[in-house]
């Protein structure tokens, strides 16, 4: 069956770094654009970053620009989010999500609604605190 399994979350001090991973299985990972979406305590879903199916086109939210980097390894069916200079405001559950690219190799999706994605992970908690 289809699975998206996030890992790498945890407790980190402000200014620290974490690298999130999302292991995909049960579908053709290289045919899907991938995104990271987060949900802070008491708030709605917020799109963070996206990458096209080939890993050549990326986009990132202004709130994390210059600090976070998205990447993927299609040989390993894995999506990554490198998070540097973490701030307390980055505390959230981070989800990876997949959306089929169709015929466009450059396609990626910047929405935050779970229902607009084809597949959605269970999330990993990131807590930034001293």
C-alpha atoms as a PDB file:
ATOM      1  CA  UNK A   1       0.000   0.000   0.000  1.00  0.00           C
ATOM      2  CA  UNK A   2       0.988   3.617  -0.377  1.00  0.00           C
ATOM      3  CA  UNK A   3       3.104   5.017   2.424  1.00  0.00           C
ATOM      4  CA  UNK A   4       4.808   8.307   3.142  1.00  0.00           C
ATOM      5  CA  UNK A   5       6.829   8.038   6.328  1.00  0.00           C
ATOM      6  CA  UNK A   6       8.461  11.159   7.748  1.00  0.00           C
ATOM      7  CA  UNK A   7      11.389  11.057  10.136  1.00  0.00           C
ATOM      8  CA  UNK A   8      14.092  13.301  11.535  1.00  0.00           C
ATOM      9  CA  UNK A   9      12.006  15.551  13.730  1.00  0.00           C
ATOM     10  CA  UNK A  10      12.807  16.323  17.335  1.00  0.00           C
ATOM     11  CA  UNK A  11      13.711  18.981  19.852  1.00  0.00           C
ATOM     12  CA  UNK A  12      16.308  21.535  18.774  1.00  0.00           C
ATOM     13  CA  UNK A  13      17.519  24.836  20.172  1.00  0.00           C
ATOM     14  CA  UNK A  14      16.929  28.076  18.310  1.00  0.00           C
ATOM     15  CA  UNK A  15      19.576  28.494  15.643  1.00  0.00           C
ATOM     16  CA  UNK A  16      20.015  24.754  15.281  1.00  0.00           C
ATOM     17  CA  UNK A  17      19.472  22.463  12.308  1.00  0.00           C
ATOM     18  CA  UNK A  18      17.470  19.390  11.460  1.00  0.00           C
ATOM     19  CA  UNK A  19      17.081  17.285   8.344  1.00  0.00           C
ATOM     20  CA  UNK A  20      13.698  15.743   7.728  1.00  0.00           C
ATOM     21  CA  UNK A  21      13.251  12.712   5.500  1.00  0.00           C
ATOM     22  CA  UNK A  22      10.160  11.266   3.869  1.00  0.00           C
ATOM     23  CA  UNK A  23      10.378   7.689   2.641  1.00  0.00           C
ATOM     24  CA  UNK A  24       7.871   6.837  -0.080  1.00  0.00           C
ATOM     25  CA  UNK A  25       6.591   3.422  -1.072  1.00  0.00           C
ATOM     26  CA  UNK A  26       3.701   1.842  -2.924  1.00  0.00           C
ATOM     27  CA  UNK A  27       3.640   4.295  -5.820  1.00  0.00           C
ATOM     28  CA  UNK A  28       5.932   5.591  -8.562  1.00  0.00           C
ATOM     29  CA  UNK A  29       7.727   8.282  -6.577  1.00  0.00           C
ATOM     30  CA  UNK A  30       9.453   9.771  -9.642  1.00  0.00           C
ATOM     31  CA  UNK A  31       6.075  10.597 -11.228  1.00  0.00           C
ATOM     32  CA  UNK A  32       4.989  12.832  -8.371  1.00  0.00           C
ATOM     33  CA  UNK A  33       5.774  16.360  -7.348  1.00  0.00           C
ATOM     34  CA  UNK A  34       6.418  16.519  -3.623  1.00  0.00           C
ATOM     35  CA  UNK A  35       5.749  19.114  -0.968  1.00  0.00           C
ATOM     36  CA  UNK A  36       6.339  19.789   2.704  1.00  0.00           C
ATOM     37  CA  UNK A  37       3.420  21.241   4.652  1.00  0.00           C
ATOM     38  CA  UNK A  38       3.457  22.106   8.354  1.00  0.00           C
ATOM     39  CA  UNK A  39       0.965  22.786  11.105  1.00  0.00           C
ATOM     40  CA  UNK A  40       1.925  24.825  14.118  1.00  0.00           C
ATOM     41  CA  UNK A  41       0.069  24.356  17.415  1.00  0.00           C
ATOM     42  CA  UNK A  42      -3.399  25.862  17.178  1.00  0.00           C
ATOM     43  CA  UNK A  43      -2.927  26.991  13.589  1.00  0.00           C
ATOM     44  CA  UNK A  44      -3.883  25.815  10.138  1.00  0.00           C
ATOM     45  CA  UNK A  45      -1.805  24.016   7.557  1.00  0.00           C
ATOM     46  CA  UNK A  46       0.978  26.041   5.954  1.00  0.00           C
ATOM     47  CA  UNK A  47       2.745  25.074   2.738  1.00  0.00           C
ATOM     48  CA  UNK A  48       6.533  25.152   3.212  1.00  0.00           C
ATOM     49  CA  UNK A  49       8.267  23.955   0.074  1.00  0.00           C
ATOM     50  CA  UNK A  50       7.815  21.956  -3.109  1.00  0.00           C
ATOM     51  CA  UNK A  51       9.900  20.178  -5.732  1.00  0.00           C
ATOM     52  CA  UNK A  52       9.074  18.825  -9.168  1.00  0.00           C
ATOM     53  CA  UNK A  53       9.292  15.147  -9.937  1.00  0.00           C
ATOM     54  CA  UNK A  54      12.820  15.350 -11.287  1.00  0.00           C
ATOM     55  CA  UNK A  55      14.173  17.426  -8.435  1.00  0.00           C
ATOM     56  CA  UNK A  56      15.208  20.240 -10.759  1.00  0.00           C
ATOM     57  CA  UNK A  57      12.605  22.859  -9.880  1.00  0.00           C
ATOM     58  CA  UNK A  58      11.895  23.994  -6.334  1.00  0.00           C
ATOM     59  CA  UNK A  59       9.878  26.644  -4.558  1.00  0.00           C
ATOM     60  CA  UNK A  60       9.836  27.735  -0.950  1.00  0.00           C
ATOM     61  CA  UNK A  61       7.665  29.853   1.304  1.00  0.00           C
ATOM     62  CA  UNK A  62       8.894  33.322   2.195  1.00  0.00           C
ATOM     63  CA  UNK A  63       8.757  32.438   5.892  1.00  0.00           C
ATOM     64  CA  UNK A  64      11.562  29.887   5.513  1.00  0.00           C
ATOM     65  CA  UNK A  65      13.414  31.197   2.480  1.00  0.00           C
ATOM     66  CA  UNK A  66      17.163  31.223   2.956  1.00  0.00           C
ATOM     67  CA  UNK A  67      16.934  28.755   5.845  1.00  0.00           C
ATOM     68  CA  UNK A  68      15.211  25.639   4.458  1.00  0.00           C
ATOM     69  CA  UNK A  69      16.121  23.578   1.390  1.00  0.00           C
ATOM     70  CA  UNK A  70      14.048  20.874  -0.239  1.00  0.00           C
ATOM     71  CA  UNK A  71      15.561  18.031  -2.235  1.00  0.00           C
ATOM     72  CA  UNK A  72      14.759  14.508  -3.346  1.00  0.00           C
ATOM     73  CA  UNK A  73      16.542  11.310  -4.295  1.00  0.00           C
ATOM     74  CA  UNK A  74      14.421   9.337  -6.739  1.00  0.00           C
ATOM     75  CA  UNK A  75      16.789   6.372  -6.588  1.00  0.00           C
ATOM     76  CA  UNK A  76      16.010   6.120  -2.868  1.00  0.00           C
ATOM     77  CA  UNK A  77      12.351   7.195  -3.126  1.00  0.00           C
ATOM     78  CA  UNK A  78      13.049   9.813  -0.484  1.00  0.00           C
ATOM     79  CA  UNK A  79      12.229  13.475  -0.005  1.00  0.00           C
ATOM     80  CA  UNK A  80      14.271  15.732   2.267  1.00  0.00           C
ATOM     81  CA  UNK A  81      13.945  19.059   4.014  1.00  0.00           C
ATOM     82  CA  UNK A  82      17.139  20.591   5.359  1.00  0.00           C
ATOM     83  CA  UNK A  83      16.236  23.126   8.029  1.00  0.00           C
ATOM     84  CA  UNK A  84      18.889  25.552   9.244  1.00  0.00           C
ATOM     85  CA  UNK A  85      18.772  28.504  11.645  1.00  0.00           C
ATOM     86  CA  UNK A  86      15.596  27.185  13.165  1.00  0.00           C
ATOM     87  CA  UNK A  87      13.334  29.605  14.993  1.00  0.00           C
ATOM     88  CA  UNK A  88      10.669  29.048  17.647  1.00  0.00           C
ATOM     89  CA  UNK A  89       8.078  29.894  15.005  1.00  0.00           C
ATOM     90  CA  UNK A  90       9.154  26.792  13.056  1.00  0.00           C
ATOM     91  CA  UNK A  91       7.706  24.552  15.776  1.00  0.00           C
ATOM     92  CA  UNK A  92       5.110  22.405  14.031  1.00  0.00           C
ATOM     93  CA  UNK A  93       4.206  18.987  12.753  1.00  0.00           C
ATOM     94  CA  UNK A  94       5.782  18.609   9.323  1.00  0.00           C
ATOM     95  CA  UNK A  95       4.039  16.546   6.673  1.00  0.00           C
ATOM     96  CA  UNK A  96       5.224  15.392   3.282  1.00  0.00           C
ATOM     97  CA  UNK A  97       2.691  15.152   0.492  1.00  0.00           C
ATOM     98  CA  UNK A  98       2.614  13.879  -3.078  1.00  0.00           C
ATOM     99  CA  UNK A  99       0.730  15.156  -6.118  1.00  0.00           C
ATOM    100  CA  UNK A 100       0.881  13.504  -9.521  1.00  0.00           C
ATOM    101  CA  UNK A 101       2.708  15.605 -12.104  1.00  0.00           C
ATOM    102  CA  UNK A 102       0.676  14.570 -15.098  1.00  0.00           C
ATOM    103  CA  UNK A 103       2.429  15.421 -18.351  1.00  0.00           C
ATOM    104  CA  UNK A 104       4.444  18.366 -17.013  1.00  0.00           C
ATOM    105  CA  UNK A 105       7.956  17.615 -15.835  1.00  0.00           C
ATOM    106  CA  UNK A 106       8.271  21.040 -14.187  1.00  0.00           C
ATOM    107  CA  UNK A 107       5.014  20.836 -12.251  1.00  0.00           C
ATOM    108  CA  UNK A 108       4.922  21.353  -8.510  1.00  0.00           C
ATOM    109  CA  UNK A 109       2.105  22.253  -6.133  1.00  0.00           C
ATOM    110  CA  UNK A 110       2.115  24.987  -3.506  1.00  0.00           C
ATOM    111  CA  UNK A 111      -1.192  24.357  -1.778  1.00  0.00           C
ATOM    112  CA  UNK A 112      -1.671  23.425   1.871  1.00  0.00           C
ATOM    113  CA  UNK A 113      -4.980  21.565   1.753  1.00  0.00           C
ATOM    114  CA  UNK A 114      -4.592  17.869   2.494  1.00  0.00           C
ATOM    115  CA  UNK A 115      -7.432  16.958   0.173  1.00  0.00           C
ATOM    116  CA  UNK A 116      -5.671  18.435  -2.842  1.00  0.00           C
ATOM    117  CA  UNK A 117      -2.798  15.976  -2.602  1.00  0.00           C
ATOM    118  CA  UNK A 118      -2.856  12.386  -3.749  1.00  0.00           C
ATOM    119  CA  UNK A 119      -0.903  11.086  -0.766  1.00  0.00           C
ATOM    120  CA  UNK A 120      -0.115  12.506   2.679  1.00  0.00           C
ATOM    121  CA  UNK A 121       2.214  11.322   5.436  1.00  0.00           C
ATOM    122  CA  UNK A 122       1.571  10.949   9.161  1.00  0.00           C
ATOM    123  CA  UNK A 123       3.874  13.813  10.127  1.00  0.00           C
ATOM    124  CA  UNK A 124       6.945  14.375  12.269  1.00  0.00           C
ATOM    125  CA  UNK A 125       7.111  16.809  15.184  1.00  0.00           C
ATOM    126  CA  UNK A 126       9.692  19.589  15.176  1.00  0.00           C
ATOM    127  CA  UNK A 127      10.042  21.586  18.375  1.00  0.00           C
ATOM    128  CA  UNK A 128      12.349  24.577  18.547  1.00  0.00           C
ATOM    129  CA  UNK A 129      12.948  25.574  22.143  1.00  0.00           C
ATOM    130  CA  UNK A 130      15.724  26.437  24.545  1.00  0.00           C
END
